[in-house]
């Protein structure tokens, strides 16, 4: 057995699901804002593209992805970020962002020629970044966040930088909704060039913004830059498991070589649905407006009740400070208190110790559910 498996912490969302199921078994109705799984329908034209691509015969899909899908992805990067990508060199489809971010460790880590290797992970982050590093036998270096919820690059000492192979970023950020400016990306890529490591940017929430569109790491450069994105959030396609990895040509070449051996090629009918999604922006604009309407409902009630919302400039999350009246400002205690009143939120500490004073609220339920939740909050807070 891989001894690193024994070091993994329990998966946070499994624990939350078990607690919800226990309460539901007692007949308690729950309004679920705990998990970031979009509940709005997948647009009809995407579903139609999938069914139209179903063929009577079945054959193995190519692991490199359909040329027309890679072209659609490259075209989207060009329109959205002004970045020119060669679809045959800089783009690879993936089965959702999780496959891409987990298997990135396969390409970059586990190299005995380099000696001990380390992966930098923000102290508040999606659990799989650190889990992938450990399963690929790398040391996890937690990076403290500054007042803007960005990893503090000054915390990377020469000793750590000498071992660093990969640094994870995630902006717009889950769970805080913070956004990284282009100047930060320039600084981190300059550091990567100097110290010979790669920067991986999980940009799953890049299209869920409210005031201005966030930048991409690839706008700063392609060398040593790796971007992961997905249709799960922008297009309500979590069940389709359709994402991408783009950027550094050498890393992409390695992944194209390895991926056929792993049996993870995406079915072609899903690739055709993904192509349709990447080529359309109208449905993304409409979805942003839905989230903005829900967001405003919660912003208003939380302001009335004098609860502070930090960051939260993008994504469909609100990063809410636990009120001082809660003992120790414990995110677990506050989440449990809300749960007993029928509202599910995620304790911030599930995503790292820095989150202990916050809860994360996901704006994914329909407007009517949000309105009911706001009424409850108005009466109990």
Protein backbone atom coordinates (compact mmCIF):
# COMPACT_ATOMS: atom_id res chain seq x y z
CA UNK A 1 0.00 0.00 0.00
CA UNK A 2 1.05 3.59 -0.60
CA UNK A 3 2.04 4.70 2.89
CA UNK A 4 1.04 8.30 2.07
CA UNK A 5 -2.62 7.25 2.09
CA UNK A 6 -2.44 6.87 5.85
CA UNK A 7 -1.49 10.54 6.19
CA UNK A 8 -4.55 11.89 4.41
CA UNK A 9 -7.08 13.81 6.47
CA UNK A 10 -10.77 12.83 6.17
CA UNK A 11 -12.36 14.39 3.09
CA UNK A 12 -14.20 17.44 4.43
CA UNK A 13 -17.27 17.16 2.24
CA UNK A 14 -17.81 13.54 3.26
CA UNK A 15 -18.08 14.61 6.90
CA UNK A 16 -20.54 17.36 6.00
CA UNK A 17 -22.69 14.96 3.99
CA UNK A 18 -22.84 12.49 6.86
CA UNK A 19 -24.02 15.19 9.27
CA UNK A 20 -26.70 16.36 6.82
CA UNK A 21 -27.96 12.82 6.29
CA UNK A 22 -28.24 12.27 10.04
CA UNK A 23 -30.42 15.36 10.48
CA UNK A 24 -32.55 14.59 7.43
CA UNK A 25 -33.19 11.12 8.86
CA UNK A 26 -34.72 12.91 11.86
CA UNK A 27 -37.15 14.69 9.53
CA UNK A 28 -35.36 18.06 9.58
CA UNK A 29 -35.66 20.03 6.33
CA UNK A 30 -32.36 21.53 5.27
CA UNK A 31 -31.61 24.37 2.87
CA UNK A 32 -28.20 23.39 1.54
CA UNK A 33 -25.61 26.12 0.93
CA UNK A 34 -22.70 23.91 1.96
CA UNK A 35 -21.38 22.38 -1.27
CA UNK A 36 -20.49 24.27 -4.44
CA UNK A 37 -22.46 22.06 -6.82
CA UNK A 38 -24.56 24.25 -9.17
CA UNK A 39 -28.27 23.44 -9.05
CA UNK A 40 -29.39 25.42 -12.10
CA UNK A 41 -30.06 23.42 -15.27
CA UNK A 42 -27.34 22.73 -17.78
CA UNK A 43 -28.31 24.93 -20.76
CA UNK A 44 -30.50 23.16 -23.30
CA UNK A 45 -28.15 23.75 -26.24
CA UNK A 46 -25.35 21.93 -24.38
CA UNK A 47 -27.58 18.95 -23.66
CA UNK A 48 -28.68 18.93 -27.28
CA UNK A 49 -25.07 18.95 -28.46
CA UNK A 50 -24.42 15.90 -26.30
CA UNK A 51 -27.38 13.89 -27.56
CA UNK A 52 -26.67 14.86 -31.16
CA UNK A 53 -23.18 13.41 -30.78
CA UNK A 54 -24.42 9.99 -29.65
CA UNK A 55 -23.71 7.42 -32.34
CA UNK A 56 -24.99 3.85 -32.77
CA UNK A 57 -21.46 2.49 -32.66
CA UNK A 58 -19.09 2.90 -29.73
CA UNK A 59 -15.34 3.45 -29.96
CA UNK A 60 -12.48 4.50 -27.75
CA UNK A 61 -12.07 8.29 -27.51
CA UNK A 62 -8.63 9.79 -28.02
CA UNK A 63 -6.90 10.85 -24.82
CA UNK A 64 -5.62 14.06 -26.46
CA UNK A 65 -9.20 15.17 -27.10
CA UNK A 66 -11.02 16.06 -30.29
CA UNK A 67 -9.22 18.70 -32.40
CA UNK A 68 -12.40 20.78 -32.53
CA UNK A 69 -12.63 20.81 -28.72
CA UNK A 70 -9.00 21.86 -28.33
CA UNK A 71 -9.60 24.57 -30.92
CA UNK A 72 -12.71 25.77 -29.05
CA UNK A 73 -10.73 25.97 -25.81
CA UNK A 74 -7.88 27.88 -27.47
CA UNK A 75 -10.41 30.21 -29.07
CA UNK A 76 -12.02 30.88 -25.70
CA UNK A 77 -8.66 31.77 -24.13
CA UNK A 78 -8.06 34.15 -27.01
CA UNK A 79 -11.43 35.90 -26.69
CA UNK A 80 -11.52 35.98 -22.91
CA UNK A 81 -7.89 36.71 -22.01
CA UNK A 82 -6.20 37.76 -25.26
CA UNK A 83 -3.88 34.75 -24.97
CA UNK A 84 -2.74 32.89 -28.10
CA UNK A 85 -2.60 29.12 -27.54
CA UNK A 86 -1.68 26.43 -30.04
CA UNK A 87 -4.45 23.83 -29.57
CA UNK A 88 -2.01 21.04 -30.43
CA UNK A 89 0.69 22.22 -28.02
CA UNK A 90 -0.79 24.19 -25.13
CA UNK A 91 -4.21 22.57 -24.49
CA UNK A 92 -5.39 19.22 -23.17
CA UNK A 93 -8.98 18.34 -22.19
CA UNK A 94 -9.51 16.65 -18.84
CA UNK A 95 -12.25 14.80 -17.00
CA UNK A 96 -13.08 17.79 -14.84
CA UNK A 97 -10.53 19.94 -13.09
CA UNK A 98 -9.87 17.36 -10.37
CA UNK A 99 -8.30 14.87 -12.79
CA UNK A 100 -6.04 17.60 -14.16
CA UNK A 101 -4.88 18.94 -10.83
CA UNK A 102 -4.32 15.49 -9.30
CA UNK A 103 -2.39 14.12 -12.26
CA UNK A 104 -0.21 17.19 -12.53
CA UNK A 105 1.72 15.65 -9.65
CA UNK A 106 2.38 12.60 -11.80
CA UNK A 107 4.16 14.77 -14.35
CA UNK A 108 6.13 16.98 -11.99
CA UNK A 109 6.77 14.99 -8.81
CA UNK A 110 8.11 11.51 -7.94
CA UNK A 111 11.44 12.25 -9.62
CA UNK A 112 14.23 10.68 -7.51
CA UNK A 113 16.88 12.54 -9.52
CA UNK A 114 15.80 15.83 -7.95
CA UNK A 115 15.91 14.68 -4.34
CA UNK A 116 13.24 15.80 -1.81
CA UNK A 117 10.54 17.87 -3.47
CA UNK A 118 7.99 20.27 -2.04
CA UNK A 119 4.63 21.66 -3.13
CA UNK A 120 3.42 25.05 -1.94
CA UNK A 121 -0.26 25.12 -0.99
CA UNK A 122 -2.12 28.14 0.40
CA UNK A 123 -3.04 27.63 4.05
CA UNK A 124 -6.69 27.92 3.01
CA UNK A 125 -7.32 25.78 -0.06
CA UNK A 126 -9.13 22.96 -1.82
CA UNK A 127 -8.05 19.77 -0.07
CA UNK A 128 -6.98 17.89 -3.22
CA UNK A 129 -3.94 20.14 -3.82
CA UNK A 130 -2.24 18.84 -0.69
CA UNK A 131 -3.62 15.31 -1.03
CA UNK A 132 -2.16 14.97 -4.53
CA UNK A 133 1.22 16.23 -3.31
CA UNK A 134 1.32 13.71 -0.47
CA UNK A 135 0.24 10.81 -2.67
CA UNK A 136 3.09 11.70 -5.02
CA UNK A 137 5.51 11.69 -2.04
CA UNK A 138 6.14 15.44 -1.94
CA UNK A 139 6.34 17.62 1.14
CA UNK A 140 3.43 20.05 1.54
CA UNK A 141 4.48 23.61 2.42
CA UNK A 142 1.50 25.61 3.79
CA UNK A 143 1.73 29.25 2.69
CA UNK A 144 0.24 31.92 4.97
CA UNK A 145 -2.24 34.30 3.38
CA UNK A 146 -1.80 38.05 3.57
CA UNK A 147 -4.53 40.59 4.29
CA UNK A 148 -5.73 40.32 0.68
CA UNK A 149 -6.08 36.52 1.01
CA UNK A 150 -3.09 35.96 -1.32
CA UNK A 151 -0.25 33.54 -0.49
CA UNK A 152 2.59 35.51 1.07
CA UNK A 153 5.53 34.93 -1.27
CA UNK A 154 7.89 36.38 1.34
CA UNK A 155 7.24 33.26 3.42
CA UNK A 156 9.10 31.18 0.81
CA UNK A 157 12.60 30.95 2.24
CA UNK A 158 15.62 30.00 0.08
CA UNK A 159 15.61 26.58 1.75
CA UNK A 160 12.00 25.97 0.68
CA UNK A 161 12.48 27.49 -2.77
CA UNK A 162 15.39 25.15 -3.38
CA UNK A 163 13.05 22.16 -2.94
CA UNK A 164 9.90 23.68 -4.43
CA UNK A 165 8.64 21.97 -7.57
CA UNK A 166 5.08 23.25 -7.75
CA UNK A 167 3.16 26.20 -6.29
CA UNK A 168 -0.63 26.15 -6.26
CA UNK A 169 -2.80 29.23 -6.74
CA UNK A 170 -6.59 29.44 -6.94
CA UNK A 171 -8.09 32.76 -8.00
CA UNK A 172 -10.88 33.67 -7.96
CA UNK A 173 -10.47 31.83 -4.70
CA UNK A 174 -12.44 29.05 -3.11
CA UNK A 175 -13.50 29.67 -0.36
CA UNK A 176 -12.88 33.41 0.03
CA UNK A 177 -13.94 34.79 -3.35
CA UNK A 178 -10.75 36.90 -3.43
CA UNK A 179 -9.17 37.84 -6.80
CA UNK A 180 -5.45 38.02 -7.63
CA UNK A 181 -4.19 41.06 -9.62
CA UNK A 182 -1.92 40.71 -12.68
CA UNK A 183 1.00 42.15 -10.68
CA UNK A 184 0.83 39.17 -8.33
CA UNK A 185 0.99 36.73 -11.23
CA UNK A 186 4.01 38.55 -12.64
CA UNK A 187 5.76 38.33 -9.30
CA UNK A 188 5.11 34.65 -8.80
CA UNK A 189 6.19 33.65 -12.34
CA UNK A 190 9.40 35.65 -11.97
CA UNK A 191 10.07 33.72 -8.77
CA UNK A 192 9.33 30.42 -10.54
CA UNK A 193 11.80 31.26 -13.31
CA UNK A 194 14.50 32.15 -10.81
CA UNK A 195 14.05 29.04 -8.65
CA UNK A 196 13.04 26.45 -11.26
CA UNK A 197 9.51 25.51 -10.20
CA UNK A 198 6.07 25.56 -11.83
CA UNK A 199 2.98 27.57 -10.94
CA UNK A 200 -0.40 25.87 -11.23
CA UNK A 201 -3.45 28.13 -11.23
CA UNK A 202 -6.84 26.57 -10.57
CA UNK A 203 -9.18 29.02 -12.32
CA UNK A 204 -12.43 27.09 -11.98
CA UNK A 205 -14.30 30.25 -10.93
CA UNK A 206 -12.80 32.65 -13.48
CA UNK A 207 -16.20 33.36 -15.09
CA UNK A 208 -18.21 33.95 -11.90
CA UNK A 209 -17.49 37.60 -11.14
CA UNK A 210 -19.59 40.66 -10.29
CA UNK A 211 -17.75 43.91 -11.03
CA UNK A 212 -14.91 43.17 -13.45
CA UNK A 213 -13.54 39.97 -15.07
CA UNK A 214 -10.55 38.48 -13.23
CA UNK A 215 -7.24 37.90 -15.05
CA UNK A 216 -5.63 34.56 -15.85
CA UNK A 217 -2.11 33.44 -15.01
CA UNK A 218 -1.57 32.73 -18.73
CA UNK A 219 -1.87 36.45 -19.51
CA UNK A 220 1.51 36.81 -17.80
CA UNK A 221 3.21 34.06 -19.79
CA UNK A 222 3.09 30.39 -20.78
CA UNK A 223 6.46 29.10 -19.56
CA UNK A 224 6.22 27.51 -16.11
CA UNK A 225 2.53 28.51 -16.03
CA UNK A 226 -0.19 25.87 -15.88
CA UNK A 227 -3.88 26.76 -15.79
CA UNK A 228 -6.69 24.40 -14.95
CA UNK A 229 -10.29 25.29 -15.69
CA UNK A 230 -13.63 23.54 -15.94
CA UNK A 231 -17.15 23.78 -17.30
CA UNK A 232 -18.58 22.67 -13.96
CA UNK A 233 -19.12 26.17 -12.56
CA UNK A 234 -19.47 28.45 -15.61
CA UNK A 235 -21.87 26.13 -17.46
CA UNK A 236 -23.51 24.06 -14.67
CA UNK A 237 -21.88 20.88 -15.99
CA UNK A 238 -20.53 19.16 -12.87
CA UNK A 239 -21.93 15.78 -13.93
CA UNK A 240 -20.22 16.01 -17.33
CA UNK A 241 -16.72 15.99 -15.76
CA UNK A 242 -15.28 18.26 -18.42
CA UNK A 243 -12.28 20.48 -17.81
CA UNK A 244 -8.94 21.45 -19.26
CA UNK A 245 -5.29 21.97 -18.55
CA UNK A 246 -3.39 24.59 -20.53
CA UNK A 247 -0.06 26.38 -20.55
CA UNK A 248 3.58 25.28 -20.50
CA UNK A 249 4.34 23.26 -23.65
CA UNK A 250 6.73 20.83 -21.95
CA UNK A 251 4.27 19.95 -19.19
CA UNK A 252 1.45 19.49 -21.69
CA UNK A 253 3.65 17.23 -23.84
CA UNK A 254 4.38 15.07 -20.81
CA UNK A 255 0.71 14.79 -19.92
CA UNK A 256 -0.24 13.92 -23.51
CA UNK A 257 2.31 11.10 -23.32
CA UNK A 258 1.08 9.79 -19.98
CA UNK A 259 -2.69 10.22 -20.25
CA UNK A 260 -3.34 7.36 -22.75
CA UNK A 261 -1.86 4.94 -20.23
CA UNK A 262 -4.31 5.97 -17.53
CA UNK A 263 -7.63 5.14 -19.15
CA UNK A 264 -9.17 8.55 -18.52
CA UNK A 265 -10.08 9.71 -22.04
CA UNK A 266 -13.29 11.76 -22.16
CA UNK A 267 -16.19 10.25 -24.18
CA UNK A 268 -16.60 12.06 -27.49
CA UNK A 269 -20.26 12.95 -26.91
CA UNK A 270 -19.21 14.83 -23.77
CA UNK A 271 -16.40 16.50 -25.71
CA UNK A 272 -18.92 17.74 -28.27
CA UNK A 273 -21.09 19.17 -25.50
CA UNK A 274 -18.00 20.82 -24.05
CA UNK A 275 -17.12 22.34 -27.41
CA UNK A 276 -20.56 23.92 -27.61
CA UNK A 277 -20.20 25.31 -24.08
CA UNK A 278 -16.77 26.88 -24.64
CA UNK A 279 -18.00 28.55 -27.83
CA UNK A 280 -20.93 30.34 -26.16
CA UNK A 281 -20.84 33.22 -23.66
CA UNK A 282 -24.52 34.18 -23.48
CA UNK A 283 -25.38 31.38 -21.06
CA UNK A 284 -22.45 32.34 -18.82
CA UNK A 285 -23.60 35.95 -18.67
CA UNK A 286 -27.12 34.80 -17.75
CA UNK A 287 -25.78 32.57 -14.98
CA UNK A 288 -23.69 35.39 -13.51
CA UNK A 289 -26.84 37.50 -13.27
CA UNK A 290 -28.63 34.71 -11.38
CA UNK A 291 -25.81 34.47 -8.86
CA UNK A 292 -25.69 38.25 -8.52
CA UNK A 293 -29.38 38.36 -7.61
CA UNK A 294 -28.97 35.66 -4.96
CA UNK A 295 -25.80 37.27 -3.67
CA UNK A 296 -27.51 40.61 -3.14
CA UNK A 297 -30.22 38.97 -1.00
CA UNK A 298 -27.63 37.56 1.40
CA UNK A 299 -25.42 40.65 1.37
CA UNK A 300 -28.39 42.73 2.50
CA UNK A 301 -29.56 40.46 5.32
CA UNK A 302 -26.03 39.89 6.62
CA UNK A 303 -25.42 43.66 6.62
CA UNK A 304 -28.66 44.23 8.55
CA UNK A 305 -27.52 41.69 11.12
CA UNK A 306 -24.03 43.24 11.26
CA UNK A 307 -22.24 40.14 10.00
CA UNK A 308 -19.07 40.91 8.04
CA UNK A 309 -18.50 39.46 4.57
CA UNK A 310 -14.78 39.38 3.68
CA UNK A 311 -13.38 39.31 0.12
CA UNK A 312 -16.19 37.65 -1.90
CA UNK A 313 -15.53 39.72 -5.04
CA UNK A 314 -16.07 36.68 -7.30
CA UNK A 315 -17.18 33.00 -7.28
CA UNK A 316 -20.60 31.93 -6.01
CA UNK A 317 -19.38 31.89 -2.41
CA UNK A 318 -19.76 34.34 0.46
CA UNK A 319 -16.98 34.25 3.04
CA UNK A 320 -18.77 35.25 6.23
CA UNK A 321 -17.07 36.09 9.50
CA UNK A 322 -18.34 34.14 12.49
CA UNK A 323 -19.95 36.70 14.84
CA UNK A 324 -18.12 37.48 18.06
CA UNK A 325 -21.02 36.20 20.14
CA UNK A 326 -20.14 32.63 19.06
CA UNK A 327 -17.73 31.08 21.56
CA UNK A 328 -14.19 31.42 20.26
CA UNK A 329 -15.63 32.54 16.91
CA UNK A 330 -15.66 28.83 16.03
CA UNK A 331 -16.74 28.11 12.46
CA UNK A 332 -17.85 24.62 13.49
CA UNK A 333 -20.06 25.91 16.27
CA UNK A 334 -21.63 28.59 14.10
CA UNK A 335 -22.20 26.13 11.24
CA UNK A 336 -23.80 23.68 13.67
CA UNK A 337 -26.02 26.43 15.09
CA UNK A 338 -27.21 27.34 11.59
CA UNK A 339 -27.66 23.68 10.72
CA UNK A 340 -30.04 23.21 13.65
CA UNK A 341 -32.10 26.03 12.15
CA UNK A 342 -32.20 24.38 8.73
CA UNK A 343 -29.38 26.15 6.87
CA UNK A 344 -26.28 24.25 5.76
CA UNK A 345 -23.00 26.16 5.40
CA UNK A 346 -19.41 24.91 5.32
CA UNK A 347 -17.20 25.58 8.35
CA UNK A 348 -14.21 27.50 7.06
CA UNK A 349 -11.76 25.34 8.98
CA UNK A 350 -12.69 22.41 6.73
CA UNK A 351 -10.52 24.14 4.12
CA UNK A 352 -7.66 25.05 6.44
CA UNK A 353 -6.89 26.44 9.88
CA UNK A 354 -7.02 30.03 8.60
CA UNK A 355 -10.74 29.52 7.98
CA UNK A 356 -11.60 28.83 11.62
CA UNK A 357 -13.24 32.25 12.02
CA UNK A 358 -15.41 32.08 8.87
CA UNK A 359 -18.13 30.01 7.23
CA UNK A 360 -18.59 29.58 3.50
CA UNK A 361 -22.01 30.01 1.97
CA UNK A 362 -22.52 28.68 -1.60
CA UNK A 363 -25.15 30.55 -3.62
CA UNK A 364 -26.12 27.52 -5.69
CA UNK A 365 -29.76 26.82 -4.66
CA UNK A 366 -32.57 28.43 -6.70
CA UNK A 367 -33.74 31.94 -5.93
CA UNK A 368 -36.81 30.70 -4.07
CA UNK A 369 -34.65 28.65 -1.70
CA UNK A 370 -32.36 31.63 -1.16
CA UNK A 371 -35.35 33.78 -0.27
CA UNK A 372 -36.51 31.22 2.30
CA UNK A 373 -33.02 31.05 3.78
CA UNK A 374 -32.82 34.83 4.02
CA UNK A 375 -36.13 34.88 5.90
CA UNK A 376 -34.75 32.35 8.38
CA UNK A 377 -31.54 34.33 8.84
CA UNK A 378 -33.54 37.52 9.33
CA UNK A 379 -35.46 35.89 12.16
CA UNK A 380 -32.68 34.00 13.98
CA UNK A 381 -29.52 36.11 13.71
